[in-house]
Amino acid sequence: MTEALQVPTHLTVENADFSKALGFIDGAVVPLAEAKISVRDLGLMYADMTYDVVHTWKGGFFRLEDHLDRFFASMQGLRLDAGMDRAAMRAVLMDLVRRSGLPDTLVYFACTRGQAVPGSRDPTLSRNNFFATVTPLVLRGQPEEMARGKDAMLVRDIRRIPGSAVNPVWKNSHWGDFIRATFVAKDAGFDTPILLATDGLVAEAPGFNIVAVIDGGLVSPDSGVLEGISCRTMFEIAAELGIPARYGALTPEALLGAEEAFLTATSCGLFPVTRIDGTPIGAGVPGPITTRLLNTYYRKKNAGWHITPVTATDKD
């Protein structure tokens, strides 16, 4: 009997209590509506910033240390300084979630360049700015959407920003290509775009890594994309289940001919892709490997896998 896709039903907009959402800005915790940055911040003006998004599950952070690893690597690559060390940042994020009282959340944290010194465009003179927010976790992909899967479009005329210009490993907000491609896909009646790299290979989707199931194993692009923590999570689960998984070149033709496909992201774990360019992927429904991965992901999280309780003592 085929395993059924198990998706939580309670993480909806209707059930989310946004009155408990909070922000951390200028060293203080405030209601989310009061968390503001200057319109002159270079993060807003020029996308000169980095950010990350981690989620909490039943009162604990999922893979917090991995997200902090990536955030500090991104800050180093982009020459940003949050003005606090890892332990202090961990404490800020813990405190923010604790004060919200929300068990299942999305925690967004960012470091921007800050405001330019008057009369100068020298970024080395700016005082960088760190802020964070906590909001209720609303699954990007409710049960009926997950069961249907994404109907994606390979957008071939808008290529992903090359890594030589904007290093995708440093998580950034240079989403001009993603936004343009999203309008193209939506205008054509599709759910989401999948972008190609400048060399014509499959890259990524807006906020998602792409994974194809080919010859019974997982394949995800190995360059020109964000090194997704959710993608890594699915690869780790695949290893436990005896499913081969590798990073490598993924051509559009291989993706279109895949047995299954899915997208990975913090806000949903994975999201099945059941059609691309109007053509069914496999049987046109979430496949057995996709289903096993997602169901195992929830079972393991419920058992405390990679979970750091919010009440934990903050020590390196």
C-alpha atoms as a PDB file:
ATOM      1  CA  MET A   1       0.000   0.000   0.000  1.00  0.00           C
ATOM      2  CA  THR A   2       1.363   3.423  -0.959  1.00  0.00           C
ATOM      3  CA  GLU A   3       2.286   5.631   1.993  1.00  0.00           C
ATOM      4  CA  ALA A   4       0.073   8.713   2.313  1.00  0.00           C
ATOM      5  CA  LEU A   5       1.590  12.180   2.524  1.00  0.00           C
ATOM      6  CA  GLN A   6       1.340  13.442   6.120  1.00  0.00           C
ATOM      7  CA  VAL A   7       1.246  17.238   6.421  1.00  0.00           C
ATOM      8  CA  PRO A   8       0.347  19.133   9.631  1.00  0.00           C
ATOM      9  CA  THR A   9      -3.086  20.703   9.412  1.00  0.00           C
ATOM     10  CA  HIS A  10      -2.870  23.277  12.206  1.00  0.00           C
ATOM     11  CA  LEU A  11      -0.189  25.617  10.808  1.00  0.00           C
ATOM     12  CA  THR A  12      -2.557  27.866   8.890  1.00  0.00           C
ATOM     13  CA  VAL A  13      -3.067  31.610   8.606  1.00  0.00           C
ATOM     14  CA  GLU A  14      -6.384  31.209  10.445  1.00  0.00           C
ATOM     15  CA  ASN A  15      -4.682  29.557  13.431  1.00  0.00           C
ATOM     16  CA  ALA A  16      -1.679  31.898  13.544  1.00  0.00           C
ATOM     17  CA  ASP A  17      -1.659  34.430  16.377  1.00  0.00           C
ATOM     18  CA  PHE A  18       0.250  37.331  14.874  1.00  0.00           C
ATOM     19  CA  SER A  19      -0.479  39.454  17.931  1.00  0.00           C
ATOM     20  CA  LYS A  20       2.416  37.578  19.552  1.00  0.00           C
ATOM     21  CA  ALA A  21       4.888  38.409  16.774  1.00  0.00           C
ATOM     22  CA  LEU A  22       7.949  40.322  17.985  1.00  0.00           C
ATOM     23  CA  GLY A  23      11.001  42.105  16.663  1.00  0.00           C
ATOM     24  CA  PHE A  24      14.489  42.775  17.989  1.00  0.00           C
ATOM     25  CA  ILE A  25      15.903  46.081  16.802  1.00  0.00           C
ATOM     26  CA  ASP A  26      18.431  48.539  18.257  1.00  0.00           C
ATOM     27  CA  GLY A  27      19.024  46.198  21.173  1.00  0.00           C
ATOM     28  CA  ALA A  28      15.387  45.989  22.310  1.00  0.00           C
ATOM     29  CA  VAL A  29      12.467  43.585  21.885  1.00  0.00           C
ATOM     30  CA  VAL A  30       9.345  45.326  20.556  1.00  0.00           C
ATOM     31  CA  PRO A  31       5.996  44.342  18.992  1.00  0.00           C
ATOM     32  CA  LEU A  32       6.571  43.446  15.367  1.00  0.00           C
ATOM     33  CA  ALA A  33       4.718  46.531  14.103  1.00  0.00           C
ATOM     34  CA  GLU A  34       7.234  48.722  15.950  1.00  0.00           C
ATOM     35  CA  ALA A  35      10.340  47.003  14.533  1.00  0.00           C
ATOM     36  CA  LYS A  36      11.588  49.438  11.879  1.00  0.00           C
ATOM     37  CA  ILE A  37      14.780  50.293  10.041  1.00  0.00           C
ATOM     38  CA  SER A  38      15.645  53.561   8.342  1.00  0.00           C
ATOM     39  CA  VAL A  39      14.552  54.132   4.762  1.00  0.00           C
ATOM     40  CA  ARG A  40      18.183  55.186   4.233  1.00  0.00           C
ATOM     41  CA  ASP A  41      19.572  51.820   5.309  1.00  0.00           C
ATOM     42  CA  LEU A  42      21.764  50.441   2.532  1.00  0.00           C
ATOM     43  CA  GLY A  43      20.197  47.050   3.053  1.00  0.00           C
ATOM     44  CA  LEU A  44      16.928  48.530   1.799  1.00  0.00           C
ATOM     45  CA  MET A  45      18.446  50.834  -0.794  1.00  0.00           C
ATOM     46  CA  TYR A  46      21.001  48.474  -2.372  1.00  0.00           C
ATOM     47  CA  ALA A  47      20.236  44.994  -0.977  1.00  0.00           C
ATOM     48  CA  ASP A  48      23.545  45.336   0.897  1.00  0.00           C
ATOM     49  CA  MET A  49      22.761  42.776   3.583  1.00  0.00           C
ATOM     50  CA  THR A  50      22.510  39.127   4.515  1.00  0.00           C
ATOM     51  CA  TYR A  51      19.775  37.254   6.311  1.00  0.00           C
ATOM     52  CA  ASP A  52      18.692  33.806   7.428  1.00  0.00           C
ATOM     53  CA  VAL A  53      15.472  32.110   8.452  1.00  0.00           C
ATOM     54  CA  VAL A  54      15.257  29.357  11.052  1.00  0.00           C
ATOM     55  CA  HIS A  55      12.115  27.760  12.414  1.00  0.00           C
ATOM     56  CA  THR A  56      11.059  26.479  15.785  1.00  0.00           C
ATOM     57  CA  TRP A  57       9.075  23.296  16.184  1.00  0.00           C
ATOM     58  CA  LYS A  58       7.105  22.481  19.331  1.00  0.00           C
ATOM     59  CA  GLY A  59       9.173  24.896  21.383  1.00  0.00           C
ATOM     60  CA  GLY A  60      12.621  24.186  19.978  1.00  0.00           C
ATOM     61  CA  PHE A  61      14.830  25.519  17.203  1.00  0.00           C
ATOM     62  CA  PHE A  62      15.385  23.174  14.256  1.00  0.00           C
ATOM     63  CA  ARG A  63      19.036  23.128  13.152  1.00  0.00           C
ATOM     64  CA  LEU A  64      19.820  26.438  14.852  1.00  0.00           C
ATOM     65  CA  GLU A  65      23.586  25.906  14.794  1.00  0.00           C
ATOM     66  CA  ASP A  66      23.540  25.176  11.057  1.00  0.00           C
ATOM     67  CA  HIS A  67      21.676  28.420  10.400  1.00  0.00           C
ATOM     68  CA  LEU A  68      24.107  30.348  12.600  1.00  0.00           C
ATOM     69  CA  ASP A  69      27.021  28.738  10.734  1.00  0.00           C
ATOM     70  CA  ARG A  70      25.608  29.971   7.432  1.00  0.00           C
ATOM     71  CA  PHE A  71      24.749  33.420   8.767  1.00  0.00           C
ATOM     72  CA  PHE A  72      28.220  34.056  10.167  1.00  0.00           C
ATOM     73  CA  ALA A  73      29.817  32.742   6.951  1.00  0.00           C
ATOM     74  CA  SER A  74      27.580  35.082   4.935  1.00  0.00           C
ATOM     75  CA  MET A  75      28.521  38.047   7.123  1.00  0.00           C
ATOM     76  CA  GLN A  76      32.205  37.243   6.725  1.00  0.00           C
ATOM     77  CA  GLY A  77      31.872  36.952   2.944  1.00  0.00           C
ATOM     78  CA  LEU A  78      29.933  40.212   2.649  1.00  0.00           C
ATOM     79  CA  ARG A  79      32.147  42.085   5.156  1.00  0.00           C
ATOM     80  CA  LEU A  80      29.309  42.672   7.635  1.00  0.00           C
ATOM     81  CA  ASP A  81      29.480  42.762  11.434  1.00  0.00           C
ATOM     82  CA  ALA A  82      26.388  42.235  13.612  1.00  0.00           C
ATOM     83  CA  GLY A  83      28.179  43.644  16.647  1.00  0.00           C
ATOM     84  CA  MET A  84      27.772  40.450  18.669  1.00  0.00           C
ATOM     85  CA  ASP A  85      29.343  37.029  18.815  1.00  0.00           C
ATOM     86  CA  ARG A  86      27.599  33.719  18.171  1.00  0.00           C
ATOM     87  CA  ALA A  87      26.641  33.126  21.812  1.00  0.00           C
ATOM     88  CA  ALA A  88      25.102  36.583  22.124  1.00  0.00           C
ATOM     89  CA  MET A  89      23.149  36.151  18.887  1.00  0.00           C
ATOM     90  CA  ARG A  90      21.914  32.748  19.974  1.00  0.00           C
ATOM     91  CA  ALA A  91      20.741  34.300  23.233  1.00  0.00           C
ATOM     92  CA  VAL A  92      18.888  37.082  21.383  1.00  0.00           C
ATOM     93  CA  LEU A  93      17.036  34.597  19.164  1.00  0.00           C
ATOM     94  CA  MET A  94      16.223  32.349  22.121  1.00  0.00           C
ATOM     95  CA  ASP A  95      14.896  35.287  24.109  1.00  0.00           C
ATOM     96  CA  LEU A  96      12.808  36.528  21.199  1.00  0.00           C
ATOM     97  CA  VAL A  97      11.040  33.181  20.793  1.00  0.00           C
ATOM     98  CA  ARG A  98      10.684  32.714  24.532  1.00  0.00           C
ATOM     99  CA  ARG A  99       8.997  36.084  24.918  1.00  0.00           C
ATOM    100  CA  SER A 100       6.586  35.401  22.061  1.00  0.00           C
ATOM    101  CA  GLY A 101       5.257  32.265  23.733  1.00  0.00           C
ATOM    102  CA  LEU A 102       4.772  30.724  20.281  1.00  0.00           C
ATOM    103  CA  PRO A 103       5.801  27.044  19.906  1.00  0.00           C
ATOM    104  CA  ASP A 104       6.041  26.906  16.095  1.00  0.00           C
ATOM    105  CA  THR A 105       7.633  29.962  14.524  1.00  0.00           C
ATOM    106  CA  LEU A 106       9.678  31.437  11.726  1.00  0.00           C
ATOM    107  CA  VAL A 107      12.613  33.480  13.006  1.00  0.00           C
ATOM    108  CA  TYR A 108      14.099  35.892  10.473  1.00  0.00           C
ATOM    109  CA  PHE A 109      17.386  37.590  11.324  1.00  0.00           C
ATOM    110  CA  ALA A 110      19.476  39.950   9.262  1.00  0.00           C
ATOM    111  CA  CYS A 111      22.522  42.166   9.206  1.00  0.00           C
ATOM    112  CA  THR A 112      22.405  45.216   6.956  1.00  0.00           C
ATOM    113  CA  ARG A 113      25.134  47.670   5.988  1.00  0.00           C
ATOM    114  CA  GLY A 114      23.318  50.440   7.847  1.00  0.00           C
ATOM    115  CA  GLN A 115      23.210  54.072   6.774  1.00  0.00           C
ATOM    116  CA  ALA A 116      25.856  55.692   4.634  1.00  0.00           C
ATOM    117  CA  VAL A 117      27.980  58.400   6.184  1.00  0.00           C
ATOM    118  CA  PRO A 118      26.734  61.739   4.770  1.00  0.00           C
ATOM    119  CA  GLY A 119      28.754  62.819   1.756  1.00  0.00           C
ATOM    120  CA  SER A 120      30.250  59.343   1.220  1.00  0.00           C
ATOM    121  CA  ARG A 121      29.474  56.090  -0.573  1.00  0.00           C
ATOM    122  CA  ASP A 122      32.252  54.227   1.241  1.00  0.00           C
ATOM    123  CA  PRO A 123      30.597  51.099   2.737  1.00  0.00           C
ATOM    124  CA  THR A 124      33.482  50.600   5.153  1.00  0.00           C
ATOM    125  CA  LEU A 125      32.362  53.701   7.073  1.00  0.00           C
ATOM    126  CA  SER A 126      28.809  52.499   7.780  1.00  0.00           C
ATOM    127  CA  ARG A 127      27.718  51.099  11.133  1.00  0.00           C
ATOM    128  CA  ASN A 128      26.082  47.755  10.431  1.00  0.00           C
ATOM    129  CA  ASN A 129      22.634  46.936  11.769  1.00  0.00           C
ATOM    130  CA  PHE A 130      21.324  43.625  13.195  1.00  0.00           C
ATOM    131  CA  PHE A 131      17.659  42.851  13.659  1.00  0.00           C
ATOM    132  CA  ALA A 132      15.407  39.826  14.031  1.00  0.00           C
ATOM    133  CA  THR A 133      11.708  38.970  13.980  1.00  0.00           C
ATOM    134  CA  VAL A 134       9.600  36.056  15.204  1.00  0.00           C
ATOM    135  CA  THR A 135       6.236  35.229  13.626  1.00  0.00           C
ATOM    136  CA  PRO A 136       3.926  32.198  13.777  1.00  0.00           C
ATOM    137  CA  LEU A 137       4.918  29.358  11.461  1.00  0.00           C
ATOM    138  CA  VAL A 138       2.463  29.106   8.580  1.00  0.00           C
ATOM    139  CA  LEU A 139       3.353  26.234   6.282  1.00  0.00           C
ATOM    140  CA  ARG A 140       4.221  27.297   2.761  1.00  0.00           C
ATOM    141  CA  GLY A 141       2.114  24.522   1.365  1.00  0.00           C
ATOM    142  CA  GLN A 142      -1.075  23.490   3.137  1.00  0.00           C
ATOM    143  CA  PRO A 143      -2.128  19.800   2.963  1.00  0.00           C
ATOM    144  CA  GLU A 144      -4.292  20.156  -0.141  1.00  0.00           C
ATOM    145  CA  GLU A 145      -1.548  22.151  -1.910  1.00  0.00           C
ATOM    146  CA  MET A 146       1.086  19.574  -1.004  1.00  0.00           C
ATOM    147  CA  ALA A 147      -1.116  16.740  -2.244  1.00  0.00           C
ATOM    148  CA  ARG A 148      -1.564  18.553  -5.555  1.00  0.00           C
ATOM    149  CA  GLY A 149       2.078  19.605  -5.832  1.00  0.00           C
ATOM    150  CA  LYS A 150       3.601  22.584  -7.604  1.00  0.00           C
ATOM    151  CA  ASP A 151       3.006  23.214 -11.276  1.00  0.00           C
ATOM    152  CA  ALA A 152       6.342  24.833 -12.117  1.00  0.00           C
ATOM    153  CA  MET A 153       7.739  26.575 -15.167  1.00  0.00           C
ATOM    154  CA  LEU A 154      11.314  26.387 -16.400  1.00  0.00           C
ATOM    155  CA  VAL A 155      11.963  30.052 -17.180  1.00  0.00           C
ATOM    156  CA  ARG A 156      14.693  29.948 -19.790  1.00  0.00           C
ATOM    157  CA  ASP A 157      15.056  33.625 -20.723  1.00  0.00           C
ATOM    158  CA  ILE A 158      15.784  34.989 -17.229  1.00  0.00           C
ATOM    159  CA  ARG A 159      18.926  33.394 -15.874  1.00  0.00           C
ATOM    160  CA  ARG A 160      20.011  33.202 -12.248  1.00  0.00           C
ATOM    161  CA  ILE A 161      22.495  35.921 -11.227  1.00  0.00           C
ATOM    162  CA  PRO A 162      25.946  34.374 -11.791  1.00  0.00           C
ATOM    163  CA  GLY A 163      28.007  33.497  -8.752  1.00  0.00           C
ATOM    164  CA  SER A 164      30.830  35.636 -10.055  1.00  0.00           C
ATOM    165  CA  ALA A 165      28.585  38.662  -9.481  1.00  0.00           C
ATOM    166  CA  VAL A 166      26.586  37.675  -6.380  1.00  0.00           C
ATOM    167  CA  ASN A 167      27.826  34.633  -4.499  1.00  0.00           C
ATOM    168  CA  PRO A 168      24.690  32.560  -3.800  1.00  0.00           C
ATOM    169  CA  VAL A 169      26.389  30.737  -0.928  1.00  0.00           C
ATOM    170  CA  TRP A 170      26.173  34.003   1.042  1.00  0.00           C
ATOM    171  CA  LYS A 171      22.453  34.282   1.630  1.00  0.00           C
ATOM    172  CA  ASN A 172      21.353  37.545   0.053  1.00  0.00           C
ATOM    173  CA  SER A 173      18.315  39.533  -1.018  1.00  0.00           C
ATOM    174  CA  HIS A 174      19.305  40.063  -4.660  1.00  0.00           C
ATOM    175  CA  TRP A 175      16.026  38.643  -5.922  1.00  0.00           C
ATOM    176  CA  GLY A 176      15.512  40.719  -9.061  1.00  0.00           C
ATOM    177  CA  ASP A 177      15.835  37.637 -11.261  1.00  0.00           C
ATOM    178  CA  PHE A 178      13.493  35.604  -9.063  1.00  0.00           C
ATOM    179  CA  ILE A 179      10.825  38.299  -9.025  1.00  0.00           C
ATOM    180  CA  ARG A 180      10.951  38.851 -12.788  1.00  0.00           C
ATOM    181  CA  ALA A 181      10.722  35.106 -13.373  1.00  0.00           C
ATOM    182  CA  THR A 182       7.829  34.767 -10.919  1.00  0.00           C
ATOM    183  CA  PHE A 183       5.763  37.257 -12.911  1.00  0.00           C
ATOM    184  CA  VAL A 184       6.561  35.379 -16.122  1.00  0.00           C
ATOM    185  CA  ALA A 185       5.469  32.074 -14.559  1.00  0.00           C
ATOM    186  CA  LYS A 186       2.331  33.526 -12.989  1.00  0.00           C
ATOM    187  CA  ASP A 187       1.330  35.229 -16.240  1.00  0.00           C
ATOM    188  CA  ALA A 188       1.582  31.845 -17.951  1.00  0.00           C
ATOM    189  CA  GLY A 189      -0.588  30.160 -15.310  1.00  0.00           C
ATOM    190  CA  PHE A 190       2.120  28.357 -13.331  1.00  0.00           C
ATOM    191  CA  ASP A 191       2.728  28.273  -9.575  1.00  0.00           C
ATOM    192  CA  THR A 192       6.425  29.060  -9.487  1.00  0.00           C
ATOM    193  CA  PRO A 193       9.451  29.512 -11.756  1.00  0.00           C
ATOM    194  CA  ILE A 194      12.571  27.388 -11.817  1.00  0.00           C
ATOM    195  CA  LEU A 195      15.565  29.348 -13.073  1.00  0.00           C
ATOM    196  CA  LEU A 196      18.542  28.154 -15.065  1.00  0.00           C
ATOM    197  CA  ALA A 197      22.120  29.226 -14.495  1.00  0.00           C
ATOM    198  CA  THR A 198      24.024  31.145 -17.154  1.00  0.00           C
ATOM    199  CA  ASP A 199      25.468  27.826 -18.411  1.00  0.00           C
ATOM    200  CA  GLY A 200      21.959  26.477 -19.053  1.00  0.00           C
ATOM    201  CA  LEU A 201      21.906  24.023 -16.148  1.00  0.00           C
ATOM    202  CA  VAL A 202      19.080  24.001 -13.600  1.00  0.00           C
ATOM    203  CA  ALA A 203      19.750  26.413 -10.725  1.00  0.00           C
ATOM    204  CA  GLU A 204      17.011  27.120  -8.161  1.00  0.00           C
ATOM    205  CA  ALA A 205      13.558  28.580  -7.536  1.00  0.00           C
ATOM    206  CA  PRO A 206      12.655  31.636  -5.436  1.00  0.00           C
ATOM    207  CA  GLY A 207      13.485  30.564  -1.887  1.00  0.00           C
ATOM    208  CA  PHE A 208      13.755  26.903  -2.879  1.00  0.00           C
ATOM    209  CA  ASN A 209      16.433  24.403  -3.846  1.00  0.00           C
ATOM    210  CA  ILE A 210      15.308  21.914  -6.510  1.00  0.00           C
ATOM    211  CA  VAL A 211      15.791  18.157  -6.110  1.00  0.00           C
ATOM    212  CA  ALA A 212      15.089  15.561  -8.805  1.00  0.00           C
ATOM    213  CA  VAL A 213      14.645  11.833  -8.307  1.00  0.00           C
ATOM    214  CA  ILE A 214      16.569  10.120 -11.118  1.00  0.00           C
ATOM    215  CA  ASP A 215      17.173   6.362 -11.245  1.00  0.00           C
ATOM    216  CA  GLY A 216      15.878   6.084  -7.708  1.00  0.00           C
ATOM    217  CA  GLY A 217      18.288   8.637  -6.230  1.00  0.00           C
ATOM    218  CA  LEU A 218      18.272  12.332  -5.369  1.00  0.00           C
ATOM    219  CA  VAL A 219      20.135  14.889  -7.470  1.00  0.00           C
ATOM    220  CA  SER A 220      20.374  18.603  -6.651  1.00  0.00           C
ATOM    221  CA  PRO A 221      22.480  21.292  -8.384  1.00  0.00           C
ATOM    222  CA  ASP A 222      25.983  21.554  -6.983  1.00  0.00           C
ATOM    223  CA  SER A 223      26.894  25.121  -7.970  1.00  0.00           C
ATOM    224  CA  GLY A 224      25.400  28.543  -8.481  1.00  0.00           C
ATOM    225  CA  VAL A 225      22.806  27.989  -5.743  1.00  0.00           C
ATOM    226  CA  LEU A 226      22.317  28.574  -2.038  1.00  0.00           C
ATOM    227  CA  GLU A 227      23.586  25.661   0.039  1.00  0.00           C
ATOM    228  CA  GLY A 228      20.166  24.903   1.457  1.00  0.00           C
ATOM    229  CA  ILE A 229      19.862  23.502   4.966  1.00  0.00           C
ATOM    230  CA  SER A 230      16.504  21.915   4.143  1.00  0.00           C
ATOM    231  CA  CYS A 231      18.052  20.236   1.100  1.00  0.00           C
ATOM    232  CA  ARG A 232      20.841  18.920   3.327  1.00  0.00           C
ATOM    233  CA  THR A 233      18.209  17.670   5.744  1.00  0.00           C
ATOM    234  CA  MET A 234      16.477  15.661   3.020  1.00  0.00           C
ATOM    235  CA  PHE A 235      19.816  14.222   1.924  1.00  0.00           C
ATOM    236  CA  GLU A 236      20.544  13.116   5.495  1.00  0.00           C
ATOM    237  CA  ILE A 237      17.135  11.463   5.755  1.00  0.00           C
ATOM    238  CA  ALA A 238      17.670   9.828   2.366  1.00  0.00           C
ATOM    239  CA  ALA A 239      20.931   8.316   3.624  1.00  0.00           C
ATOM    240  CA  GLU A 240      19.104   6.813   6.605  1.00  0.00           C
ATOM    241  CA  LEU A 241      16.476   5.359   4.273  1.00  0.00           C
ATOM    242  CA  GLY A 242      19.087   3.916   1.918  1.00  0.00           C
ATOM    243  CA  ILE A 243      18.232   6.313  -0.901  1.00  0.00           C
ATOM    244  CA  PRO A 244      21.264   7.563  -2.894  1.00  0.00           C
ATOM    245  CA  ALA A 245      21.697  11.347  -2.918  1.00  0.00           C
ATOM    246  CA  ARG A 246      24.258  13.566  -4.569  1.00  0.00           C
ATOM    247  CA  TYR A 247      24.931  17.124  -5.668  1.00  0.00           C
ATOM    248  CA  GLY A 248      25.769  17.467  -9.338  1.00  0.00           C
ATOM    249  CA  ALA A 249      24.909  19.018 -12.687  1.00  0.00           C
ATOM    250  CA  LEU A 250      21.190  18.865 -13.457  1.00  0.00           C
ATOM    251  CA  THR A 251      20.102  19.579 -17.008  1.00  0.00           C
ATOM    252  CA  PRO A 252      16.595  20.785 -17.898  1.00  0.00           C
ATOM    253  CA  GLU A 253      16.099  17.574 -19.870  1.00  0.00           C
ATOM    254  CA  ALA A 254      17.036  15.410 -16.887  1.00  0.00           C
ATOM    255  CA  LEU A 255      14.691  17.354 -14.628  1.00  0.00           C
ATOM    256  CA  LEU A 256      11.802  17.059 -17.095  1.00  0.00           C
ATOM    257  CA  GLY A 257      12.435  13.309 -17.336  1.00  0.00           C
ATOM    258  CA  ALA A 258      12.770  12.769 -13.584  1.00  0.00           C
ATOM    259  CA  GLU A 259      10.721  10.148 -11.760  1.00  0.00           C
ATOM    260  CA  GLU A 260       9.859  12.692  -9.050  1.00  0.00           C
ATOM    261  CA  ALA A 261      10.854  16.233  -8.117  1.00  0.00           C
ATOM    262  CA  PHE A 262      10.486  18.512  -5.144  1.00  0.00           C
ATOM    263  CA  LEU A 263      11.564  21.861  -3.765  1.00  0.00           C
ATOM    264  CA  THR A 264      13.107  22.338  -0.325  1.00  0.00           C
ATOM    265  CA  ALA A 265      12.739  25.286   2.052  1.00  0.00           C
ATOM    266  CA  THR A 266      12.662  26.079   5.769  1.00  0.00           C
ATOM    267  CA  SER A 267       8.966  26.932   5.719  1.00  0.00           C
ATOM    268  CA  CYS A 268       7.832  23.510   4.479  1.00  0.00           C
ATOM    269  CA  GLY A 269      10.723  21.030   4.531  1.00  0.00           C
ATOM    270  CA  LEU A 270       9.904  20.001   1.004  1.00  0.00           C
ATOM    271  CA  PHE A 271       7.177  20.817  -1.522  1.00  0.00           C
ATOM    272  CA  PRO A 272       6.371  18.248  -4.234  1.00  0.00           C
ATOM    273  CA  VAL A 273       6.660  19.338  -7.866  1.00  0.00           C
ATOM    274  CA  THR A 274       4.186  17.325  -9.906  1.00  0.00           C
ATOM    275  CA  ARG A 275       4.253  19.196 -13.231  1.00  0.00           C
ATOM    276  CA  ILE A 276       6.838  21.263 -15.085  1.00  0.00           C
ATOM    277  CA  ASP A 277       5.957  23.252 -18.192  1.00  0.00           C
ATOM    278  CA  GLY A 278       2.550  21.578 -18.094  1.00  0.00           C
ATOM    279  CA  THR A 279       4.033  18.064 -18.332  1.00  0.00           C
ATOM    280  CA  PRO A 280       3.561  15.603 -15.449  1.00  0.00           C
ATOM    281  CA  ILE A 281       6.643  14.598 -13.499  1.00  0.00           C
ATOM    282  CA  GLY A 282       6.370  10.850 -13.045  1.00  0.00           C
ATOM    283  CA  ALA A 283       2.742  10.018 -12.350  1.00  0.00           C
ATOM    284  CA  GLY A 284       1.868  13.681 -11.804  1.00  0.00           C
ATOM    285  CA  VAL A 285       1.374  13.220  -8.040  1.00  0.00           C
ATOM    286  CA  PRO A 286       3.797  13.313  -5.084  1.00  0.00           C
ATOM    287  CA  GLY A 287       5.923  10.204  -5.541  1.00  0.00           C
ATOM    288  CA  PRO A 288       6.835   7.499  -3.017  1.00  0.00           C
ATOM    289  CA  ILE A 289      10.337   8.814  -2.323  1.00  0.00           C
ATOM    290  CA  THR A 290       9.084  12.374  -1.883  1.00  0.00           C
ATOM    291  CA  THR A 291       6.385  11.112   0.472  1.00  0.00           C
ATOM    292  CA  ARG A 292       8.766   8.962   2.541  1.00  0.00           C
ATOM    293  CA  LEU A 293      11.183  11.856   2.928  1.00  0.00           C
ATOM    294  CA  LEU A 294       8.562  14.339   4.101  1.00  0.00           C
ATOM    295  CA  ASN A 295       6.831  11.910   6.457  1.00  0.00           C
ATOM    296  CA  THR A 296      10.152  10.859   7.958  1.00  0.00           C
ATOM    297  CA  TYR A 297      11.123  14.522   8.336  1.00  0.00           C
ATOM    298  CA  TYR A 298       8.071  15.188  10.509  1.00  0.00           C
ATOM    299  CA  ARG A 299       8.471  11.983  12.501  1.00  0.00           C
ATOM    300  CA  LYS A 300      12.086  12.799  13.274  1.00  0.00           C
ATOM    301  CA  LYS A 301      11.356  16.402  14.217  1.00  0.00           C
ATOM    302  CA  ASN A 302       8.560  15.257  16.506  1.00  0.00           C
ATOM    303  CA  ALA A 303      11.087  12.961  18.195  1.00  0.00           C
ATOM    304  CA  GLY A 304      13.502  15.854  18.780  1.00  0.00           C
ATOM    305  CA  TRP A 305      15.953  15.352  15.900  1.00  0.00           C
ATOM    306  CA  HIS A 306      18.166  18.456  15.475  1.00  0.00           C
ATOM    307  CA  ILE A 307      15.945  20.309  17.954  1.00  0.00           C
ATOM    308  CA  THR A 308      17.477  22.802  20.422  1.00  0.00           C
ATOM    309  CA  PRO A 309      14.927  23.635  23.146  1.00  0.00           C
ATOM    310  CA  VAL A 310      14.300  27.348  23.536  1.00  0.00           C
ATOM    311  CA  THR A 311      14.867  26.965  27.276  1.00  0.00           C
ATOM    312  CA  ALA A 312      18.358  25.532  26.769  1.00  0.00           C
ATOM    313  CA  THR A 313      21.353  27.243  28.411  1.00  0.00           C
ATOM    314  CA  ASP A 314      23.159  29.322  25.814  1.00  0.00           C
ATOM    315  CA  LYS A 315      26.711  27.985  25.712  1.00  0.00           C
ATOM    316  CA  ASP A 316      29.133  27.339  22.891  1.00  0.00           C
END
